[in-house]
Amino acid sequence: MRDMTKLVKAVKKLIKAIHDLWKKNKQTKKPLDDFWQS
């Protein structure tokens, strides 16, 4: 079961990273499409 908690922590970290990127992207008023294409 310890591997499961490791996985959950990794996923949560990933979601937080994506969320932070999205927030930064929103602040610069740049479309998300541009972000993914760059």
C-alpha atoms as a PDB file:
ATOM      1  CA  MET A   1       0.000   0.000   0.000  1.00  0.00           C
ATOM      2  CA  ARG A   2       2.982   2.317   0.449  1.00  0.00           C
ATOM      3  CA  ASP A   3       3.445   2.518  -3.323  1.00  0.00           C
ATOM      4  CA  MET A   4      -0.132   3.743  -3.586  1.00  0.00           C
ATOM      5  CA  THR A   5       0.466   6.727  -1.308  1.00  0.00           C
ATOM      6  CA  LYS A   6       3.612   7.539  -3.296  1.00  0.00           C
ATOM      7  CA  LEU A   7       1.529   7.532  -6.458  1.00  0.00           C
ATOM      8  CA  VAL A   8      -1.131   9.758  -4.910  1.00  0.00           C
ATOM      9  CA  LYS A   9       1.518  12.230  -3.755  1.00  0.00           C
ATOM     10  CA  ALA A  10       3.076  12.299  -7.231  1.00  0.00           C
ATOM     11  CA  VAL A  11      -0.296  12.906  -8.876  1.00  0.00           C
ATOM     12  CA  LYS A  12      -1.135  15.692  -6.428  1.00  0.00           C
ATOM     13  CA  LYS A  13       2.230  17.324  -7.114  1.00  0.00           C
ATOM     14  CA  LEU A  14       1.622  17.076 -10.858  1.00  0.00           C
ATOM     15  CA  ILE A  15      -1.841  18.622 -10.550  1.00  0.00           C
ATOM     16  CA  LYS A  16      -0.424  21.459  -8.455  1.00  0.00           C
ATOM     17  CA  ALA A  17       2.325  22.101 -11.020  1.00  0.00           C
ATOM     18  CA  ILE A  18      -0.209  22.200 -13.865  1.00  0.00           C
ATOM     19  CA  HIS A  19      -2.461  24.485 -11.827  1.00  0.00           C
ATOM     20  CA  ASP A  20       0.431  26.861 -11.103  1.00  0.00           C
ATOM     21  CA  LEU A  21       1.353  26.958 -14.792  1.00  0.00           C
ATOM     22  CA  TRP A  22      -2.271  27.621 -15.702  1.00  0.00           C
ATOM     23  CA  LYS A  23      -2.491  30.466 -13.199  1.00  0.00           C
ATOM     24  CA  LYS A  24       0.721  32.029 -14.557  1.00  0.00           C
ATOM     25  CA  ASN A  25      -0.633  31.643 -18.061  1.00  0.00           C
ATOM     26  CA  LYS A  26      -3.892  33.342 -17.088  1.00  0.00           C
ATOM     27  CA  GLN A  27      -2.040  36.246 -15.500  1.00  0.00           C
ATOM     28  CA  THR A  28      -0.158  36.938 -18.729  1.00  0.00           C
ATOM     29  CA  LYS A  29      -3.476  36.756 -20.621  1.00  0.00           C
ATOM     30  CA  LYS A  30      -1.885  34.324 -23.058  1.00  0.00           C
ATOM     31  CA  PRO A  31      -4.120  31.625 -24.599  1.00  0.00           C
ATOM     32  CA  LEU A  32      -3.491  28.115 -23.342  1.00  0.00           C
ATOM     33  CA  ASP A  33      -3.186  26.882 -26.942  1.00  0.00           C
ATOM     34  CA  ASP A  34      -0.090  29.028 -27.445  1.00  0.00           C
ATOM     35  CA  PHE A  35       1.403  27.594 -24.273  1.00  0.00           C
ATOM     36  CA  TRP A  36       0.975  23.994 -25.438  1.00  0.00           C
ATOM     37  CA  GLN A  37       2.271  24.716 -28.931  1.00  0.00           C
ATOM     38  CA  SER A  38       5.442  26.469 -27.800  1.00  0.00           C
END
